[in-house]
Every structure is written in structure tokens, then in C-alpha cells.
Amino acid sequence: KEMIGSSIVIGSVTFLVALGTILFRPR
């Protein structure tokens, strides 16, 4: 249960930070 919880949290944080690549201006 601890492993699943840490996997979800770390995976989610990784995914959310990776979304930062879209923080550019289309122009």
C-alpha cells in the first residue's frame, strides 16, 4: 500500500511538472 501510494504521488508530480513544457507562448 505504501509503495502504491508513493508511486502515485511521485508519478503525478513528475507528470504535472512535465506539463511545464507547454508554458510557452504560441508566438
PDB file of all heavy atoms in Angstrom:
ATOM      1  N   LYS A   1       0.837  -1.195   0.000  1.00  0.00           N
ATOM      2  CA  LYS A   1       0.000   0.000   0.000  1.00  0.00           C
ATOM      3  C   LYS A   1       0.878   1.253   0.000  1.00  0.00           C
ATOM      4  O   LYS A   1       0.607   2.207  -0.721  1.00  0.00           O
ATOM      5  CB  LYS A   1      -0.916  -0.018   1.223  1.00  0.00           C
ATOM      6  CG  LYS A   1      -1.927   1.094   1.229  1.00  0.00           C
ATOM      7  CD  LYS A   1      -2.861   0.944   2.414  1.00  0.00           C
ATOM      8  CE  LYS A   1      -3.841   2.089   2.455  1.00  0.00           C
ATOM      9  NZ  LYS A   1      -4.700   2.021   3.628  1.00  0.00           N
ATOM     10  N   GLU A   2       1.952   1.256   0.805  1.00  0.00           N
ATOM     11  CA  GLU A   2       2.890   2.392   0.851  1.00  0.00           C
ATOM     12  C   GLU A   2       3.549   2.583  -0.517  1.00  0.00           C
ATOM     13  O   GLU A   2       3.700   3.704  -0.990  1.00  0.00           O
ATOM     14  CB  GLU A   2       3.956   2.160   1.923  1.00  0.00           C
ATOM     15  CG  GLU A   2       5.080   3.154   1.922  1.00  0.00           C
ATOM     16  CD  GLU A   2       4.682   4.526   2.421  1.00  0.00           C
ATOM     17  OE1 GLU A   2       3.722   4.631   3.184  1.00  0.00           O
ATOM     18  OE2 GLU A   2       5.347   5.504   2.029  1.00  0.00           O
ATOM     19  N   MET A   3       3.961   1.472  -1.156  1.00  0.00           N
ATOM     20  CA  MET A   3       4.621   1.548  -2.458  1.00  0.00           C
ATOM     21  C   MET A   3       3.673   2.116  -3.504  1.00  0.00           C
ATOM     22  O   MET A   3       4.071   2.944  -4.319  1.00  0.00           O
ATOM     23  CB  MET A   3       5.128   0.170  -2.885  1.00  0.00           C
ATOM     24  CG  MET A   3       6.311  -0.304  -2.080  1.00  0.00           C
ATOM     25  SD  MET A   3       6.792  -2.010  -2.416  1.00  0.00           S
ATOM     26  CE  MET A   3       7.128  -1.965  -4.150  1.00  0.00           C
ATOM     27  N   ILE A   4       2.417   1.685  -3.480  1.00  0.00           N
ATOM     28  CA  ILE A   4       1.447   2.185  -4.451  1.00  0.00           C
ATOM     29  C   ILE A   4       1.215   3.673  -4.216  1.00  0.00           C
ATOM     30  O   ILE A   4       1.190   4.462  -5.149  1.00  0.00           O
ATOM     31  CB  ILE A   4       0.131   1.381  -4.369  1.00  0.00           C
ATOM     32  CG1 ILE A   4       0.360  -0.040  -4.897  1.00  0.00           C
ATOM     33  CG2 ILE A   4      -0.981   2.071  -5.163  1.00  0.00           C
ATOM     34  CD1 ILE A   4      -0.794  -0.985  -4.667  1.00  0.00           C
ATOM     35  N   GLY A   5       1.078   4.069  -2.953  1.00  0.00           N
ATOM     36  CA  GLY A   5       0.862   5.481  -2.636  1.00  0.00           C
ATOM     37  C   GLY A   5       2.017   6.353  -3.086  1.00  0.00           C
ATOM     38  O   GLY A   5       1.812   7.397  -3.710  1.00  0.00           O
ATOM     39  N   SER A   6       3.249   5.933  -2.792  1.00  0.00           N
ATOM     40  CA  SER A   6       4.403   6.729  -3.204  1.00  0.00           C
ATOM     41  C   SER A   6       4.533   6.755  -4.725  1.00  0.00           C
ATOM     42  O   SER A   6       4.898   7.774  -5.297  1.00  0.00           O
ATOM     43  CB  SER A   6       5.690   6.214  -2.556  1.00  0.00           C
ATOM     44  OG  SER A   6       5.986   4.904  -2.972  1.00  0.00           O
ATOM     45  N   SER A   7       4.209   5.661  -5.369  1.00  0.00           N
ATOM     46  CA  SER A   7       4.274   5.608  -6.833  1.00  0.00           C
ATOM     47  C   SER A   7       3.294   6.591  -7.458  1.00  0.00           C
ATOM     48  O   SER A   7       3.627   7.292  -8.414  1.00  0.00           O
ATOM     49  CB  SER A   7       3.971   4.193  -7.340  1.00  0.00           C
ATOM     50  OG  SER A   7       4.918   3.281  -6.869  1.00  0.00           O
ATOM     51  N   ILE A   8       2.096   6.648  -6.902  1.00  0.00           N
ATOM     52  CA  ILE A   8       1.090   7.562  -7.443  1.00  0.00           C
ATOM     53  C   ILE A   8       1.506   9.009  -7.224  1.00  0.00           C
ATOM     54  O   ILE A   8       1.415   9.840  -8.132  1.00  0.00           O
ATOM     55  CB  ILE A   8      -0.297   7.272  -6.825  1.00  0.00           C
ATOM     56  CG1 ILE A   8      -0.820   5.934  -7.353  1.00  0.00           C
ATOM     57  CG2 ILE A   8      -1.287   8.391  -7.130  1.00  0.00           C
ATOM     58  CD1 ILE A   8      -2.073   5.428  -6.673  1.00  0.00           C
ATOM     59  N   VAL A   9       1.982   9.323  -6.026  1.00  0.00           N
ATOM     60  CA  VAL A   9       2.378  10.707  -5.727  1.00  0.00           C
ATOM     61  C   VAL A   9       3.568  11.122  -6.591  1.00  0.00           C
ATOM     62  O   VAL A   9       3.537  12.169  -7.242  1.00  0.00           O
ATOM     63  CB  VAL A   9       2.689  10.884  -4.223  1.00  0.00           C
ATOM     64  CG1 VAL A   9       3.322  12.238  -3.959  1.00  0.00           C
ATOM     65  CG2 VAL A   9       1.429  10.712  -3.393  1.00  0.00           C
ATOM     66  N   ILE A  10       4.615  10.312  -6.612  1.00  0.00           N
ATOM     67  CA  ILE A  10       5.814  10.667  -7.386  1.00  0.00           C
ATOM     68  C   ILE A  10       5.497  10.700  -8.880  1.00  0.00           C
ATOM     69  O   ILE A  10       5.912  11.627  -9.588  1.00  0.00           O
ATOM     70  CB  ILE A  10       6.977   9.704  -7.063  1.00  0.00           C
ATOM     71  CG1 ILE A  10       7.457   9.956  -5.624  1.00  0.00           C
ATOM     72  CG2 ILE A  10       8.126   9.866  -8.066  1.00  0.00           C
ATOM     73  CD1 ILE A  10       8.442   8.941  -5.096  1.00  0.00           C
ATOM     74  N   GLY A  11       4.719   9.738  -9.355  1.00  0.00           N
ATOM     75  CA  GLY A  11       4.334   9.732 -10.766  1.00  0.00           C
ATOM     76  C   GLY A  11       3.497  10.949 -11.134  1.00  0.00           C
ATOM     77  O   GLY A  11       3.699  11.564 -12.197  1.00  0.00           O
ATOM     78  N   SER A  12       2.586  11.329 -10.260  1.00  0.00           N
ATOM     79  CA  SER A  12       1.733  12.503 -10.515  1.00  0.00           C
ATOM     80  C   SER A  12       2.537  13.792 -10.520  1.00  0.00           C
ATOM     81  O   SER A  12       2.339  14.654 -11.391  1.00  0.00           O
ATOM     82  CB  SER A  12       0.628  12.592  -9.453  1.00  0.00           C
ATOM     83  OG  SER A  12      -0.219  11.474  -9.535  1.00  0.00           O
ATOM     84  N   VAL A  13       3.436  13.936  -9.569  1.00  0.00           N
ATOM     85  CA  VAL A  13       4.279  15.136  -9.526  1.00  0.00           C
ATOM     86  C   VAL A  13       5.141  15.208 -10.781  1.00  0.00           C
ATOM     87  O   VAL A  13       5.263  16.270 -11.415  1.00  0.00           O
ATOM     88  CB  VAL A  13       5.140  15.171  -8.247  1.00  0.00           C
ATOM     89  CG1 VAL A  13       6.201  16.265  -8.329  1.00  0.00           C
ATOM     90  CG2 VAL A  13       4.260  15.371  -7.017  1.00  0.00           C
ATOM     91  N   THR A  14       5.719  14.077 -11.174  1.00  0.00           N
ATOM     92  CA  THR A  14       6.539  14.030 -12.388  1.00  0.00           C
ATOM     93  C   THR A  14       5.719  14.466 -13.597  1.00  0.00           C
ATOM     94  O   THR A  14       6.163  15.284 -14.409  1.00  0.00           O
ATOM     95  CB  THR A  14       7.103  12.615 -12.608  1.00  0.00           C
ATOM     96  OG1 THR A  14       7.896  12.251 -11.483  1.00  0.00           O
ATOM     97  CG2 THR A  14       7.934  12.535 -13.881  1.00  0.00           C
ATOM     98  N   PHE A  15       4.513  13.931 -13.715  1.00  0.00           N
ATOM     99  CA  PHE A  15       3.644  14.266 -14.841  1.00  0.00           C
ATOM    100  C   PHE A  15       3.273  15.750 -14.838  1.00  0.00           C
ATOM    101  O   PHE A  15       3.356  16.426 -15.864  1.00  0.00           O
ATOM    102  CB  PHE A  15       2.382  13.390 -14.816  1.00  0.00           C
ATOM    103  CG  PHE A  15       1.403  13.729 -15.893  1.00  0.00           C
ATOM    104  CD1 PHE A  15       1.648  13.346 -17.207  1.00  0.00           C
ATOM    105  CD2 PHE A  15       0.244  14.423 -15.605  1.00  0.00           C
ATOM    106  CE1 PHE A  15       0.745  13.659 -18.217  1.00  0.00           C
ATOM    107  CE2 PHE A  15      -0.663  14.751 -16.603  1.00  0.00           C
ATOM    108  CZ  PHE A  15      -0.414  14.363 -17.912  1.00  0.00           C
ATOM    109  N   LEU A  16       2.884  16.261 -13.668  1.00  0.00           N
ATOM    110  CA  LEU A  16       2.476  17.666 -13.578  1.00  0.00           C
ATOM    111  C   LEU A  16       3.633  18.614 -13.902  1.00  0.00           C
ATOM    112  O   LEU A  16       3.442  19.614 -14.614  1.00  0.00           O
ATOM    113  CB  LEU A  16       1.899  17.967 -12.200  1.00  0.00           C
ATOM    114  CG  LEU A  16       0.547  17.323 -11.912  1.00  0.00           C
ATOM    115  CD1 LEU A  16       0.147  17.544 -10.456  1.00  0.00           C
ATOM    116  CD2 LEU A  16      -0.526  17.858 -12.850  1.00  0.00           C
ATOM    117  N   VAL A  17       4.815  18.313 -13.409  1.00  0.00           N
ATOM    118  CA  VAL A  17       5.965  19.170 -13.716  1.00  0.00           C
ATOM    119  C   VAL A  17       6.296  19.076 -15.207  1.00  0.00           C
ATOM    120  O   VAL A  17       6.595  20.085 -15.846  1.00  0.00           O
ATOM    121  CB  VAL A  17       7.188  18.800 -12.844  1.00  0.00           C
ATOM    122  CG1 VAL A  17       8.429  19.558 -13.293  1.00  0.00           C
ATOM    123  CG2 VAL A  17       6.890  19.093 -11.377  1.00  0.00           C
ATOM    124  N   ALA A  18       6.209  17.878 -15.767  1.00  0.00           N
ATOM    125  CA  ALA A  18       6.498  17.700 -17.201  1.00  0.00           C
ATOM    126  C   ALA A  18       5.555  18.526 -18.066  1.00  0.00           C
ATOM    127  O   ALA A  18       5.933  18.966 -19.158  1.00  0.00           O
ATOM    128  CB  ALA A  18       6.420  16.222 -17.583  1.00  0.00           C
ATOM    129  N   LEU A  19       4.351  18.760 -17.574  1.00  0.00           N
ATOM    130  CA  LEU A  19       3.418  19.612 -18.323  1.00  0.00           C
ATOM    131  C   LEU A  19       3.935  21.040 -18.461  1.00  0.00           C
ATOM    132  O   LEU A  19       3.457  21.790 -19.306  1.00  0.00           O
ATOM    133  CB  LEU A  19       2.043  19.623 -17.650  1.00  0.00           C
ATOM    134  CG  LEU A  19       1.220  18.345 -17.774  1.00  0.00           C
ATOM    135  CD1 LEU A  19      -0.093  18.502 -16.999  1.00  0.00           C
ATOM    136  CD2 LEU A  19       0.939  18.001 -19.224  1.00  0.00           C
ATOM    137  N   GLY A  20       4.916  21.401 -17.653  1.00  0.00           N
ATOM    138  CA  GLY A  20       5.511  22.730 -17.734  1.00  0.00           C
ATOM    139  C   GLY A  20       6.144  23.028 -19.072  1.00  0.00           C
ATOM    140  O   GLY A  20       6.371  24.192 -19.410  1.00  0.00           O
ATOM    141  N   THR A  21       6.411  22.001 -19.867  1.00  0.00           N
ATOM    142  CA  THR A  21       6.998  22.242 -21.183  1.00  0.00           C
ATOM    143  C   THR A  21       6.035  22.997 -22.095  1.00  0.00           C
ATOM    144  O   THR A  21       6.469  23.581 -23.086  1.00  0.00           O
ATOM    145  CB  THR A  21       7.419  20.928 -21.884  1.00  0.00           C
ATOM    146  OG1 THR A  21       6.273  20.090 -22.015  1.00  0.00           O
ATOM    147  CG2 THR A  21       8.506  20.222 -21.116  1.00  0.00           C
ATOM    148  N   ILE A  22       4.757  22.991 -21.739  1.00  0.00           N
ATOM    149  CA  ILE A  22       3.787  23.700 -22.588  1.00  0.00           C
ATOM    150  C   ILE A  22       3.624  25.158 -22.179  1.00  0.00           C
ATOM    151  O   ILE A  22       2.793  25.866 -22.743  1.00  0.00           O
ATOM    152  CB  ILE A  22       2.410  22.986 -22.603  1.00  0.00           C
ATOM    153  CG1 ILE A  22       1.790  22.976 -21.207  1.00  0.00           C
ATOM    154  CG2 ILE A  22       2.538  21.596 -23.177  1.00  0.00           C
ATOM    155  CD1 ILE A  22       0.358  22.480 -21.172  1.00  0.00           C
ATOM    156  N   LEU A  23       4.431  25.620 -21.235  1.00  0.00           N
ATOM    157  CA  LEU A  23       4.336  27.007 -20.779  1.00  0.00           C
ATOM    158  C   LEU A  23       5.134  27.943 -21.687  1.00  0.00           C
ATOM    159  O   LEU A  23       5.991  28.686 -21.250  1.00  0.00           O
ATOM    160  CB  LEU A  23       4.820  27.131 -19.329  1.00  0.00           C
ATOM    161  CG  LEU A  23       4.010  26.377 -18.296  1.00  0.00           C
ATOM    162  CD1 LEU A  23       4.670  26.489 -16.930  1.00  0.00           C
ATOM    163  CD2 LEU A  23       2.578  26.892 -18.254  1.00  0.00           C
ATOM    164  N   PHE A  24       4.830  27.880 -22.940  1.00  0.00           N
ATOM    165  CA  PHE A  24       5.469  28.782 -23.893  1.00  0.00           C
ATOM    166  C   PHE A  24       4.372  29.569 -24.603  1.00  0.00           C
ATOM    167  O   PHE A  24       3.205  29.192 -24.577  1.00  0.00           O
ATOM    168  CB  PHE A  24       6.347  28.029 -24.893  1.00  0.00           C
ATOM    169  CG  PHE A  24       5.605  26.997 -25.692  1.00  0.00           C
ATOM    170  CD1 PHE A  24       4.924  27.339 -26.844  1.00  0.00           C
ATOM    171  CD2 PHE A  24       5.595  25.670 -25.290  1.00  0.00           C
ATOM    172  CE1 PHE A  24       4.235  26.398 -27.587  1.00  0.00           C
ATOM    173  CE2 PHE A  24       4.917  24.715 -26.021  1.00  0.00           C
ATOM    174  CZ  PHE A  24       4.232  25.082 -27.161  1.00  0.00           C
ATOM    175  N   ARG A  25       4.771  30.641 -25.209  1.00  0.00           N
ATOM    176  CA  ARG A  25       3.814  31.465 -25.938  1.00  0.00           C
ATOM    177  C   ARG A  25       3.760  30.977 -27.382  1.00  0.00           C
ATOM    178  O   ARG A  25       4.808  30.792 -28.021  1.00  0.00           O
ATOM    179  CB  ARG A  25       4.241  32.924 -25.899  1.00  0.00           C
ATOM    180  CG  ARG A  25       4.294  33.485 -24.486  1.00  0.00           C
ATOM    181  CD  ARG A  25       4.831  34.882 -24.471  1.00  0.00           C
ATOM    182  NE  ARG A  25       6.188  34.907 -25.034  1.00  0.00           N
ATOM    183  CZ  ARG A  25       7.098  35.814 -24.763  1.00  0.00           C
ATOM    184  NH1 ARG A  25       6.821  36.793 -23.955  1.00  0.00           N
ATOM    185  NH2 ARG A  25       8.296  35.762 -25.299  1.00  0.00           N
ATOM    186  N   PRO A  26       2.566  30.782 -27.916  1.00  0.00           N
ATOM    187  CA  PRO A  26       2.453  30.327 -29.304  1.00  0.00           C
ATOM    188  C   PRO A  26       3.210  31.217 -30.287  1.00  0.00           C
ATOM    189  O   PRO A  26       3.717  30.735 -31.292  1.00  0.00           O
ATOM    190  CB  PRO A  26       0.941  30.362 -29.568  1.00  0.00           C
ATOM    191  CG  PRO A  26       0.333  30.169 -28.224  1.00  0.00           C
ATOM    192  CD  PRO A  26       1.270  30.870 -27.261  1.00  0.00           C
ATOM    193  N   ARG A  27       3.333  32.501 -29.976  1.00  0.00           N
ATOM    194  CA  ARG A  27       4.036  33.405 -30.902  1.00  0.00           C
ATOM    195  C   ARG A  27       5.541  33.113 -30.961  1.00  0.00           C
ATOM    196  O   ARG A  27       6.231  33.606 -31.847  1.00  0.00           O
ATOM    197  CB  ARG A  27       3.781  34.857 -30.532  1.00  0.00           C
ATOM    198  CG  ARG A  27       4.399  35.284 -29.230  1.00  0.00           C
ATOM    199  CD  ARG A  27       4.157  36.764 -28.975  1.00  0.00           C
ATOM    200  NE  ARG A  27       4.780  37.170 -27.746  1.00  0.00           N
ATOM    201  CZ  ARG A  27       4.218  37.902 -26.828  1.00  0.00           C
ATOM    202  NH1 ARG A  27       2.990  38.336 -26.997  1.00  0.00           N
ATOM    203  NH2 ARG A  27       4.857  38.222 -25.737  1.00  0.00           N
TER     204      ARG A  27
END
